[in-house]
C-alpha atoms as a PDB file:
ATOM      1  CA  UNK A   1     -19.239   0.414   2.188  1.00  0.00           C
ATOM      2  CA  UNK A   2     -22.897   0.431   0.720  1.00  0.00           C
ATOM      3  CA  UNK A   3     -25.848   0.719   2.906  1.00  0.00           C
ATOM      4  CA  UNK A   4     -28.182  -1.817   3.648  1.00  0.00           C
ATOM      5  CA  UNK A   5     -28.618  -4.543   6.438  1.00  0.00           C
ATOM      6  CA  UNK A   6     -25.759  -6.686   5.185  1.00  0.00           C
ATOM      7  CA  UNK A   7     -22.194  -5.426   5.446  1.00  0.00           C
ATOM      8  CA  UNK A   8     -20.680  -5.250   1.711  1.00  0.00           C
ATOM      9  CA  UNK A   9     -17.630  -3.740  -0.068  1.00  0.00           C
ATOM     10  CA  UNK A  10     -16.709  -1.900  -3.211  1.00  0.00           C
ATOM     11  CA  UNK A  11     -13.128  -2.916  -3.040  1.00  0.00           C
ATOM     12  CA  UNK A  12     -11.903  -6.296  -4.019  1.00  0.00           C
ATOM     13  CA  UNK A  13      -8.230  -6.093  -4.283  1.00  0.00           C
ATOM     14  CA  UNK A  14      -5.258  -3.715  -4.720  1.00  0.00           C
ATOM     15  CA  UNK A  15      -3.017  -4.044  -7.811  1.00  0.00           C
ATOM     16  CA  UNK A  16       0.423  -2.788  -6.023  1.00  0.00           C
ATOM     17  CA  UNK A  17       3.757  -2.161  -7.115  1.00  0.00           C
ATOM     18  CA  UNK A  18       6.230  -4.852  -5.982  1.00  0.00           C
ATOM     19  CA  UNK A  19       8.502  -2.597  -5.267  1.00  0.00           C
ATOM     20  CA  UNK A  20       6.662  -0.631  -2.766  1.00  0.00           C
ATOM     21  CA  UNK A  21       5.537  -3.871  -1.209  1.00  0.00           C
ATOM     22  CA  UNK A  22       8.841  -5.705  -0.819  1.00  0.00           C
ATOM     23  CA  UNK A  23      11.316  -3.044   0.180  1.00  0.00           C
ATOM     24  CA  UNK A  24      12.611  -4.122   3.330  1.00  0.00           C
ATOM     25  CA  UNK A  25      11.909  -1.666   6.001  1.00  0.00           C
ATOM     26  CA  UNK A  26       9.794   1.007   3.978  1.00  0.00           C
ATOM     27  CA  UNK A  27       6.891  -0.183   6.486  1.00  0.00           C
ATOM     28  CA  UNK A  28       7.545  -1.408  10.119  1.00  0.00           C
ATOM     29  CA  UNK A  29       6.442  -2.017  13.394  1.00  0.00           C
ATOM     30  CA  UNK A  30       6.783   1.389  15.202  1.00  0.00           C
ATOM     31  CA  UNK A  31       7.073   1.798  19.249  1.00  0.00           C
ATOM     32  CA  UNK A  32       5.588   5.002  20.449  1.00  0.00           C
ATOM     33  CA  UNK A  33       7.740   7.807  19.961  1.00  0.00           C
ATOM     34  CA  UNK A  34       9.900   6.251  17.231  1.00  0.00           C
ATOM     35  CA  UNK A  35       8.219   8.291  14.481  1.00  0.00           C
ATOM     36  CA  UNK A  36      10.035  11.461  16.196  1.00  0.00           C
ATOM     37  CA  UNK A  37      13.455   9.518  16.782  1.00  0.00           C
ATOM     38  CA  UNK A  38      13.654   7.817  13.483  1.00  0.00           C
ATOM     39  CA  UNK A  39      13.901   8.963   9.651  1.00  0.00           C
ATOM     40  CA  UNK A  40      13.129   6.735   6.683  1.00  0.00           C
ATOM     41  CA  UNK A  41      15.999   5.753   4.433  1.00  0.00           C
ATOM     42  CA  UNK A  42      15.416   2.359   2.307  1.00  0.00           C
ATOM     43  CA  UNK A  43      16.754   1.383  -0.881  1.00  0.00           C
ATOM     44  CA  UNK A  44      15.781  -1.755  -2.703  1.00  0.00           C
ATOM     45  CA  UNK A  45      16.512  -3.442  -5.943  1.00  0.00           C
ATOM     46  CA  UNK A  46      13.697  -4.582  -7.883  1.00  0.00           C
ATOM     47  CA  UNK A  47      14.809  -6.169 -11.507  1.00  0.00           C
ATOM     48  CA  UNK A  48      16.741  -3.878 -13.026  1.00  0.00           C
ATOM     49  CA  UNK A  49      15.353  -0.817 -11.108  1.00  0.00           C
ATOM     50  CA  UNK A  50      17.202   0.718  -7.856  1.00  0.00           C
ATOM     51  CA  UNK A  51      14.696   2.197  -5.776  1.00  0.00           C
ATOM     52  CA  UNK A  52      15.432   4.601  -3.091  1.00  0.00           C
ATOM     53  CA  UNK A  53      12.781   5.751  -0.441  1.00  0.00           C
ATOM     54  CA  UNK A  54      13.560   8.522   1.822  1.00  0.00           C
ATOM     55  CA  UNK A  55      11.447  10.870   4.390  1.00  0.00           C
ATOM     56  CA  UNK A  56      11.775  12.578   7.495  1.00  0.00           C
ATOM     57  CA  UNK A  57       9.500   9.907   9.394  1.00  0.00           C
ATOM     58  CA  UNK A  58       9.506   5.992   8.962  1.00  0.00           C
ATOM     59  CA  UNK A  59       6.087   4.575   7.719  1.00  0.00           C
ATOM     60  CA  UNK A  60       4.110   2.168   9.867  1.00  0.00           C
ATOM     61  CA  UNK A  61       1.543  -0.109   9.504  1.00  0.00           C
ATOM     62  CA  UNK A  62      -1.165   2.441   9.420  1.00  0.00           C
ATOM     63  CA  UNK A  63       0.456   4.135   6.654  1.00  0.00           C
ATOM     64  CA  UNK A  64       0.715   0.817   4.478  1.00  0.00           C
ATOM     65  CA  UNK A  65      -2.747   0.187   5.077  1.00  0.00           C
ATOM     66  CA  UNK A  66      -3.768   3.625   3.974  1.00  0.00           C
ATOM     67  CA  UNK A  67      -1.745   2.933   0.700  1.00  0.00           C
ATOM     68  CA  UNK A  68      -3.624  -0.434  -0.034  1.00  0.00           C
ATOM     69  CA  UNK A  69      -6.757   1.187   0.106  1.00  0.00           C
ATOM     70  CA  UNK A  70      -5.826   4.160  -2.063  1.00  0.00           C
ATOM     71  CA  UNK A  71      -4.252   1.714  -4.510  1.00  0.00           C
ATOM     72  CA  UNK A  72      -7.457  -0.183  -4.757  1.00  0.00           C
ATOM     73  CA  UNK A  73      -9.712   2.730  -4.985  1.00  0.00           C
ATOM     74  CA  UNK A  74      -7.696   3.586  -7.925  1.00  0.00           C
ATOM     75  CA  UNK A  75      -8.892   0.837  -9.789  1.00  0.00           C
ATOM     76  CA  UNK A  76     -12.675   0.686  -8.936  1.00  0.00           C
ATOM     77  CA  UNK A  77     -15.405   2.273 -11.016  1.00  0.00           C
ATOM     78  CA  UNK A  78     -18.258   3.392  -9.222  1.00  0.00           C
ATOM     79  CA  UNK A  79     -20.504   6.503  -7.751  1.00  0.00           C
ATOM     80  CA  UNK A  80     -18.237   6.760  -4.421  1.00  0.00           C
ATOM     81  CA  UNK A  81     -14.864   5.765  -5.600  1.00  0.00           C
ATOM     82  CA  UNK A  82     -12.717   5.807  -8.924  1.00  0.00           C
ATOM     83  CA  UNK A  83      -9.476   6.045 -10.708  1.00  0.00           C
ATOM     84  CA  UNK A  84      -9.064   9.099 -12.746  1.00  0.00           C
ATOM     85  CA  UNK A  85      -5.511   9.032 -14.936  1.00  0.00           C
ATOM     86  CA  UNK A  86      -3.568  12.107 -14.259  1.00  0.00           C
ATOM     87  CA  UNK A  87      -2.003  12.984 -17.847  1.00  0.00           C
ATOM     88  CA  UNK A  88       1.128  14.961 -18.171  1.00  0.00           C
ATOM     89  CA  UNK A  89      -0.852  17.676 -19.450  1.00  0.00           C
ATOM     90  CA  UNK A  90      -4.123  17.898 -17.032  1.00  0.00           C
ATOM     91  CA  UNK A  91      -7.013  19.779 -18.122  1.00  0.00           C
ATOM     92  CA  UNK A  92      -8.150  21.097 -14.803  1.00  0.00           C
ATOM     93  CA  UNK A  93      -6.420  23.262 -12.117  1.00  0.00           C
ATOM     94  CA  UNK A  94      -6.798  20.682  -9.613  1.00  0.00           C
ATOM     95  CA  UNK A  95      -5.277  18.083 -11.606  1.00  0.00           C
ATOM     96  CA  UNK A  96      -2.138  20.552 -12.291  1.00  0.00           C
ATOM     97  CA  UNK A  97      -1.794  21.059  -8.642  1.00  0.00           C
ATOM     98  CA  UNK A  98      -1.748  17.104  -8.000  1.00  0.00           C
ATOM     99  CA  UNK A  99       1.152  17.020 -10.402  1.00  0.00           C
ATOM    100  CA  UNK A 100       3.246  19.600  -8.761  1.00  0.00           C
ATOM    101  CA  UNK A 101       2.375  18.041  -5.267  1.00  0.00           C
ATOM    102  CA  UNK A 102       3.819  15.009  -6.585  1.00  0.00           C
ATOM    103  CA  UNK A 103       7.200  16.684  -7.043  1.00  0.00           C
ATOM    104  CA  UNK A 104       7.798  15.036 -10.471  1.00  0.00           C
ATOM    105  CA  UNK A 105      11.428  14.836 -11.713  1.00  0.00           C
ATOM    106  CA  UNK A 106      13.629  13.887 -14.859  1.00  0.00           C
ATOM    107  CA  UNK A 107      11.816  10.818 -16.743  1.00  0.00           C
ATOM    108  CA  UNK A 108       8.596  10.759 -14.575  1.00  0.00           C
ATOM    109  CA  UNK A 109       7.632  14.246 -15.883  1.00  0.00           C
ATOM    110  CA  UNK A 110       6.563  12.507 -18.807  1.00  0.00           C
ATOM    111  CA  UNK A 111       4.548   9.563 -17.159  1.00  0.00           C
ATOM    112  CA  UNK A 112       1.012   9.030 -16.200  1.00  0.00           C
ATOM    113  CA  UNK A 113      -0.013   9.406 -12.446  1.00  0.00           C
ATOM    114  CA  UNK A 114      -3.392   8.229 -11.307  1.00  0.00           C
ATOM    115  CA  UNK A 115      -5.891  10.033  -8.964  1.00  0.00           C
ATOM    116  CA  UNK A 116      -7.752   7.765  -6.338  1.00  0.00           C
ATOM    117  CA  UNK A 117     -11.311   9.556  -6.046  1.00  0.00           C
ATOM    118  CA  UNK A 118     -13.409   8.848  -2.930  1.00  0.00           C
ATOM    119  CA  UNK A 119     -13.974   9.946   0.685  1.00  0.00           C
ATOM    120  CA  UNK A 120     -12.386   9.589   4.303  1.00  0.00           C
ATOM    121  CA  UNK A 121     -15.534   7.495   5.316  1.00  0.00           C
ATOM    122  CA  UNK A 122     -15.526   5.281   2.306  1.00  0.00           C
ATOM    123  CA  UNK A 123     -11.875   4.474   2.899  1.00  0.00           C
ATOM    124  CA  UNK A 124     -12.109   3.730   6.218  1.00  0.00           C
ATOM    125  CA  UNK A 125     -14.707   1.566   6.138  1.00  0.00           C
ATOM    126  CA  UNK A 126     -13.231  -0.193   3.105  1.00  0.00           C
ATOM    127  CA  UNK A 127      -9.819  -0.675   5.618  1.00  0.00           C
ATOM    128  CA  UNK A 128     -11.995  -2.188   8.711  1.00  0.00           C
ATOM    129  CA  UNK A 129     -11.851   1.074  10.564  1.00  0.00           C
ATOM    130  CA  UNK A 130     -14.544   2.225  12.810  1.00  0.00           C
ATOM    131  CA  UNK A 131     -16.464   5.102  11.077  1.00  0.00           C
ATOM    132  CA  UNK A 132     -18.657   6.523  14.103  1.00  0.00           C
ATOM    133  CA  UNK A 133     -15.622   8.733  15.118  1.00  0.00           C
ATOM    134  CA  UNK A 134     -13.553  11.353  13.623  1.00  0.00           C
ATOM    135  CA  UNK A 135     -10.464   9.054  14.905  1.00  0.00           C
ATOM    136  CA  UNK A 136     -10.260   7.174  11.671  1.00  0.00           C
ATOM    137  CA  UNK A 137     -10.342  10.003   9.394  1.00  0.00           C
ATOM    138  CA  UNK A 138      -7.412  11.523  11.419  1.00  0.00           C
ATOM    139  CA  UNK A 139      -5.569   8.348  11.100  1.00  0.00           C
ATOM    140  CA  UNK A 140      -5.820   8.357   7.193  1.00  0.00           C
ATOM    141  CA  UNK A 141      -5.255  12.281   6.791  1.00  0.00           C
ATOM    142  CA  UNK A 142      -2.039  11.890   8.784  1.00  0.00           C
ATOM    143  CA  UNK A 143      -0.920   8.660   6.907  1.00  0.00           C
ATOM    144  CA  UNK A 144      -1.607  10.639   3.481  1.00  0.00           C
ATOM    145  CA  UNK A 145       0.518  13.454   4.691  1.00  0.00           C
ATOM    146  CA  UNK A 146       3.407  11.078   5.996  1.00  0.00           C
ATOM    147  CA  UNK A 147       3.235   9.344   2.499  1.00  0.00           C
ATOM    148  CA  UNK A 148       3.546  12.715   0.632  1.00  0.00           C
ATOM    149  CA  UNK A 149       6.761  13.646   2.624  1.00  0.00           C
ATOM    150  CA  UNK A 150       8.238  10.267   1.108  1.00  0.00           C
ATOM    151  CA  UNK A 151      10.428  10.803  -2.131  1.00  0.00           C
ATOM    152  CA  UNK A 152      11.162   8.038  -4.283  1.00  0.00           C
ATOM    153  CA  UNK A 153      13.968   7.985  -6.708  1.00  0.00           C
ATOM    154  CA  UNK A 154      14.148   5.198  -9.471  1.00  0.00           C
ATOM    155  CA  UNK A 155      17.404   4.326 -11.575  1.00  0.00           C
ATOM    156  CA  UNK A 156      17.451   2.092 -14.323  1.00  0.00           C
ATOM    157  CA  UNK A 157      19.803   1.762 -17.086  1.00  0.00           C
ATOM    158  CA  UNK A 158      21.374   5.311 -16.529  1.00  0.00           C
ATOM    159  CA  UNK A 159      17.617   6.951 -16.500  1.00  0.00           C
ATOM    160  CA  UNK A 160      15.920   8.430 -13.578  1.00  0.00           C
ATOM    161  CA  UNK A 161      12.843   9.334 -12.445  1.00  0.00           C
ATOM    162  CA  UNK A 162      11.766  11.292  -8.983  1.00  0.00           C
ATOM    163  CA  UNK A 163       8.553  11.509  -7.303  1.00  0.00           C
ATOM    164  CA  UNK A 164       6.773  11.212  -4.031  1.00  0.00           C
ATOM    165  CA  UNK A 165       4.797   8.389  -3.084  1.00  0.00           C
ATOM    166  CA  UNK A 166       1.479  10.393  -3.387  1.00  0.00           C
ATOM    167  CA  UNK A 167       0.031  13.880  -3.038  1.00  0.00           C
ATOM    168  CA  UNK A 168      -3.342  14.774  -1.527  1.00  0.00           C
ATOM    169  CA  UNK A 169      -6.027  17.186  -2.358  1.00  0.00           C
ATOM    170  CA  UNK A 170      -9.029  17.615  -0.240  1.00  0.00           C
ATOM    171  CA  UNK A 171     -12.001  19.284  -2.434  1.00  0.00           C
ATOM    172  CA  UNK A 172     -14.181  19.537   0.231  1.00  0.00           C
ATOM    173  CA  UNK A 173     -13.257  19.388   3.926  1.00  0.00           C
ATOM    174  CA  UNK A 174     -16.878  19.548   5.354  1.00  0.00           C
ATOM    175  CA  UNK A 175     -18.057  16.443   3.364  1.00  0.00           C
ATOM    176  CA  UNK A 176     -14.540  14.903   3.646  1.00  0.00           C
ATOM    177  CA  UNK A 177     -14.228  14.109  -0.091  1.00  0.00           C
ATOM    178  CA  UNK A 178     -10.786  13.469  -0.975  1.00  0.00           C
ATOM    179  CA  UNK A 179      -8.425  13.418  -4.250  1.00  0.00           C
ATOM    180  CA  UNK A 180      -5.218  11.722  -3.866  1.00  0.00           C
ATOM    181  CA  UNK A 181      -2.560  11.206  -6.585  1.00  0.00           C
ATOM    182  CA  UNK A 182      -0.644   8.052  -6.921  1.00  0.00           C
ATOM    183  CA  UNK A 183       2.815   8.203  -8.195  1.00  0.00           C
ATOM    184  CA  UNK A 184       3.323   6.876 -11.808  1.00  0.00           C
ATOM    185  CA  UNK A 185       5.280   3.654 -10.582  1.00  0.00           C
ATOM    186  CA  UNK A 186       2.017   2.769  -8.633  1.00  0.00           C
ATOM    187  CA  UNK A 187      -0.221   3.904 -11.901  1.00  0.00           C
ATOM    188  CA  UNK A 188       1.552   1.648 -14.079  1.00  0.00           C
ATOM    189  CA  UNK A 189       0.908  -1.360 -11.758  1.00  0.00           C
ATOM    190  CA  UNK A 190      -2.720  -0.495 -11.514  1.00  0.00           C
ATOM    191  CA  UNK A 191      -3.385  -0.456 -15.323  1.00  0.00           C
ATOM    192  CA  UNK A 192      -0.809  -3.565 -16.070  1.00  0.00           C
ATOM    193  CA  UNK A 193       1.699  -1.378 -17.629  1.00  0.00           C
ATOM    194  CA  UNK A 194       4.204  -3.326 -15.207  1.00  0.00           C
ATOM    195  CA  UNK A 195       4.008  -6.555 -13.021  1.00  0.00           C
ATOM    196  CA  UNK A 196       1.910  -5.925 -10.100  1.00  0.00           C
ATOM    197  CA  UNK A 197       1.257  -7.581  -6.471  1.00  0.00           C
ATOM    198  CA  UNK A 198      -2.203  -8.504  -5.773  1.00  0.00           C
ATOM    199  CA  UNK A 199      -3.428  -7.896  -2.419  1.00  0.00           C
ATOM    200  CA  UNK A 200      -7.061  -9.164  -1.344  1.00  0.00           C
ATOM    201  CA  UNK A 201      -8.731  -6.577   0.532  1.00  0.00           C
ATOM    202  CA  UNK A 202     -11.060  -9.127   2.464  1.00  0.00           C
ATOM    203  CA  UNK A 203      -7.853 -10.276   3.839  1.00  0.00           C
ATOM    204  CA  UNK A 204      -6.566  -6.939   4.790  1.00  0.00           C
ATOM    205  CA  UNK A 205      -9.723  -5.871   6.717  1.00  0.00           C
ATOM    206  CA  UNK A 206      -9.767  -9.619   8.553  1.00  0.00           C
ATOM    207  CA  UNK A 207      -6.148  -9.226   9.964  1.00  0.00           C
ATOM    208  CA  UNK A 208      -6.199  -7.868  13.486  1.00  0.00           C
ATOM    209  CA  UNK A 209      -2.533  -7.302  14.286  1.00  0.00           C
ATOM    210  CA  UNK A 210       0.360  -5.349  12.947  1.00  0.00           C
ATOM    211  CA  UNK A 211       2.817  -8.088  12.633  1.00  0.00           C
ATOM    212  CA  UNK A 212       0.278 -10.256  10.685  1.00  0.00           C
ATOM    213  CA  UNK A 213      -0.345  -7.091   8.535  1.00  0.00           C
ATOM    214  CA  UNK A 214       3.197  -6.668   7.800  1.00  0.00           C
ATOM    215  CA  UNK A 215       3.980 -10.519   7.017  1.00  0.00           C
ATOM    216  CA  UNK A 216       1.131 -10.455   4.631  1.00  0.00           C
ATOM    217  CA  UNK A 217       1.931  -7.724   2.403  1.00  0.00           C
ATOM    218  CA  UNK A 218       5.627  -9.092   2.011  1.00  0.00           C
ATOM    219  CA  UNK A 219       4.394 -12.364   1.546  1.00  0.00           C
ATOM    220  CA  UNK A 220       1.950 -11.006  -1.025  1.00  0.00           C
ATOM    221  CA  UNK A 221       4.858  -9.712  -2.994  1.00  0.00           C
ATOM    222  CA  UNK A 222       6.588 -13.080  -3.567  1.00  0.00           C
ATOM    223  CA  UNK A 223       3.526 -15.884  -3.277  1.00  0.00           C
ATOM    224  CA  UNK A 224       1.306 -15.476  -6.365  1.00  0.00           C
ATOM    225  CA  UNK A 225      -2.245 -16.604  -5.509  1.00  0.00           C
ATOM    226  CA  UNK A 226      -2.583 -20.270  -5.664  1.00  0.00           C
ATOM    227  CA  UNK A 227       1.059 -20.741  -5.096  1.00  0.00           C
ATOM    228  CA  UNK A 228       3.351 -21.346  -1.901  1.00  0.00           C
ATOM    229  CA  UNK A 229       6.784 -20.503  -0.697  1.00  0.00           C
ATOM    230  CA  UNK A 230       8.884 -21.491   2.176  1.00  0.00           C
ATOM    231  CA  UNK A 231      10.457 -18.884   4.579  1.00  0.00           C
ATOM    232  CA  UNK A 232      12.121 -19.169   7.803  1.00  0.00           C
ATOM    233  CA  UNK A 233      11.219 -17.591  11.330  1.00  0.00           C
ATOM    234  CA  UNK A 234      14.024 -15.257  11.122  1.00  0.00           C
ATOM    235  CA  UNK A 235      13.220 -14.101   7.640  1.00  0.00           C
ATOM    236  CA  UNK A 236       9.579 -13.099   8.972  1.00  0.00           C
ATOM    237  CA  UNK A 237      11.080 -11.261  11.939  1.00  0.00           C
ATOM    238  CA  UNK A 238      12.650  -8.996   9.205  1.00  0.00           C
ATOM    239  CA  UNK A 239       9.516  -8.303   7.727  1.00  0.00           C
ATOM    240  CA  UNK A 240       8.213  -6.777  11.002  1.00  0.00           C
ATOM    241  CA  UNK A 241      11.734  -5.209  12.358  1.00  0.00           C
ATOM    242  CA  UNK A 242      14.174  -4.457   9.557  1.00  0.00           C
ATOM    243  CA  UNK A 243      16.879  -3.819  12.253  1.00  0.00           C
ATOM    244  CA  UNK A 244      18.745  -6.326  13.700  1.00  0.00           C
ATOM    245  CA  UNK A 245      18.835  -7.773  17.313  1.00  0.00           C
ATOM    246  CA  UNK A 246      20.001 -10.321  19.568  1.00  0.00           C
ATOM    247  CA  UNK A 247      19.412 -11.953  22.725  1.00  0.00           C
ATOM    248  CA  UNK A 248      16.172 -11.377  24.619  1.00  0.00           C
ATOM    249  CA  UNK A 249      15.217  -9.003  21.774  1.00  0.00           C
ATOM    250  CA  UNK A 250      15.487 -11.518  19.165  1.00  0.00           C
ATOM    251  CA  UNK A 251      13.560 -14.302  21.257  1.00  0.00           C
ATOM    252  CA  UNK A 252      10.530 -12.075  21.772  1.00  0.00           C
ATOM    253  CA  UNK A 253      10.659 -11.008  17.812  1.00  0.00           C
ATOM    254  CA  UNK A 254      10.640 -14.762  16.836  1.00  0.00           C
ATOM    255  CA  UNK A 255       7.409 -15.356  19.391  1.00  0.00           C
ATOM    256  CA  UNK A 256       5.523 -12.418  17.963  1.00  0.00           C
ATOM    257  CA  UNK A 257       6.202 -13.382  14.348  1.00  0.00           C
ATOM    258  CA  UNK A 258       5.147 -17.012  15.136  1.00  0.00           C
ATOM    259  CA  UNK A 259       2.133 -15.793  17.086  1.00  0.00           C
ATOM    260  CA  UNK A 260       1.099 -13.894  13.842  1.00  0.00           C
ATOM    261  CA  UNK A 261       1.055 -16.891  11.612  1.00  0.00           C
ATOM    262  CA  UNK A 262      -2.377 -18.151  12.541  1.00  0.00           C
ATOM    263  CA  UNK A 263      -4.036 -14.928  11.274  1.00  0.00           C
ATOM    264  CA  UNK A 264      -2.900 -16.008   8.017  1.00  0.00           C
ATOM    265  CA  UNK A 265      -5.054 -19.272   8.377  1.00  0.00           C
ATOM    266  CA  UNK A 266      -8.151 -17.400   9.452  1.00  0.00           C
ATOM    267  CA  UNK A 267      -8.205 -15.667   5.907  1.00  0.00           C
ATOM    268  CA  UNK A 268      -7.506 -18.906   3.955  1.00  0.00           C
ATOM    269  CA  UNK A 269      -3.594 -19.276   3.734  1.00  0.00           C
ATOM    270  CA  UNK A 270      -2.210 -22.742   4.627  1.00  0.00           C
ATOM    271  CA  UNK A 271       1.022 -22.557   7.085  1.00  0.00           C
ATOM    272  CA  UNK A 272       2.770 -25.589   7.648  1.00  0.00           C
ATOM    273  CA  UNK A 273       6.019 -25.822   9.833  1.00  0.00           C
ATOM    274  CA  UNK A 274       7.747 -28.509   8.050  1.00  0.00           C
ATOM    275  CA  UNK A 275      10.889 -28.081  10.437  1.00  0.00           C
ATOM    276  CA  UNK A 276      11.711 -26.107  13.679  1.00  0.00           C
ATOM    277  CA  UNK A 277      11.459 -22.680  12.481  1.00  0.00           C
ATOM    278  CA  UNK A 278      11.030 -23.040   8.903  1.00  0.00           C
ATOM    279  CA  UNK A 279       7.445 -22.922   7.212  1.00  0.00           C
ATOM    280  CA  UNK A 280       6.002 -23.550   3.756  1.00  0.00           C
ATOM    281  CA  UNK A 281       3.138 -21.203   3.044  1.00  0.00           C
ATOM    282  CA  UNK A 282       0.191 -21.468   0.558  1.00  0.00           C
ATOM    283  CA  UNK A 283      -1.447 -18.766  -1.008  1.00  0.00           C
ATOM    284  CA  UNK A 284      -5.335 -19.262  -1.604  1.00  0.00           C
ATOM    285  CA  UNK A 285      -6.471 -18.901  -5.521  1.00  0.00           C
ATOM    286  CA  UNK A 286      -7.674 -15.466  -6.126  1.00  0.00           C
ATOM    287  CA  UNK A 287     -11.660 -15.330  -7.084  1.00  0.00           C
ATOM    288  CA  UNK A 288     -10.940 -13.420  -9.978  1.00  0.00           C
ATOM    289  CA  UNK A 289      -7.612 -12.655 -11.789  1.00  0.00           C
ATOM    290  CA  UNK A 290      -8.676 -10.563 -14.423  1.00  0.00           C
ATOM    291  CA  UNK A 291      -7.590  -6.798 -14.905  1.00  0.00           C
ATOM    292  CA  UNK A 292      -9.578  -4.277 -13.572  1.00  0.00           C
ATOM    293  CA  UNK A 293      -9.331  -1.419 -15.935  1.00  0.00           C
ATOM    294  CA  UNK A 294      -9.327   2.292 -14.842  1.00  0.00           C
ATOM    295  CA  UNK A 295     -12.703   4.130 -15.321  1.00  0.00           C
ATOM    296  CA  UNK A 296     -13.385   5.426 -18.609  1.00  0.00           C
ATOM    297  CA  UNK A 297     -13.409   9.032 -19.654  1.00  0.00           C
ATOM    298  CA  UNK A 298      -9.778   9.154 -18.070  1.00  0.00           C
ATOM    299  CA  UNK A 299      -9.042  12.693 -19.585  1.00  0.00           C
ATOM    300  CA  UNK A 300     -12.005  14.406 -17.820  1.00  0.00           C
ATOM    301  CA  UNK A 301     -11.347  17.678 -15.811  1.00  0.00           C
ATOM    302  CA  UNK A 302     -11.259  16.735 -11.931  1.00  0.00           C
ATOM    303  CA  UNK A 303     -13.892  18.946 -10.159  1.00  0.00           C
END
């Protein structure tokens, strides 16, 4: 966030990988204590790709928001945040370390990754967190560490890629600066080498509840800006809780999902219940659909 009397933001949108956005259960609503009880084991087919996500802990809404912010940072030029391409043969020791932490395997070893460069304070502000205490920084760091623990295997036409969702390298603990490497699949979406999901960061900052945030990302994954789609209430429930439920639990979930939909209207979406439990949802047009290119000098050594 830039200094001044008016609140302004550097991050306008994230060019996200659809598989990371649409995989059912990759991000979910979590109750207290569930992180210690559950594991992450999600498989999703996107086009010709079979994508497997696995990790020792499930990922929650805080992790989803941090990843959205890092993807947006990686495509932004500026004095406080920018994206740096991480080539297969980095010029700096820090670059080598980041690629090692990504645990690249098989075909992924020859792919470009990308670094999101910024600070905990800047990222917290862009995500809508309060930055007057260390709580937001702790949330971000813990999310980065959880995301680092997640392994991804992509299989396509007999070829395999393996990597972690991201890795972290903090260059200065005192100032809060950080460098985070994004995996090759995310990097390709950012630079336009594969289809991407556009997520408006103004909407991310404005949403207030976890159910609305989860529904928002999933809808962004399949409804393009300026377009609409139809969805049923139980499908929306599945965006929040991937596991099956019945009876009173399902009734509670349906009411929670229904209550989350008005939040979409506050950020410009149109929500119309054309039949009981069935909605037509329209997404506003994007302010700018031009590709945000990575910063120049992408081969420069990391500090």
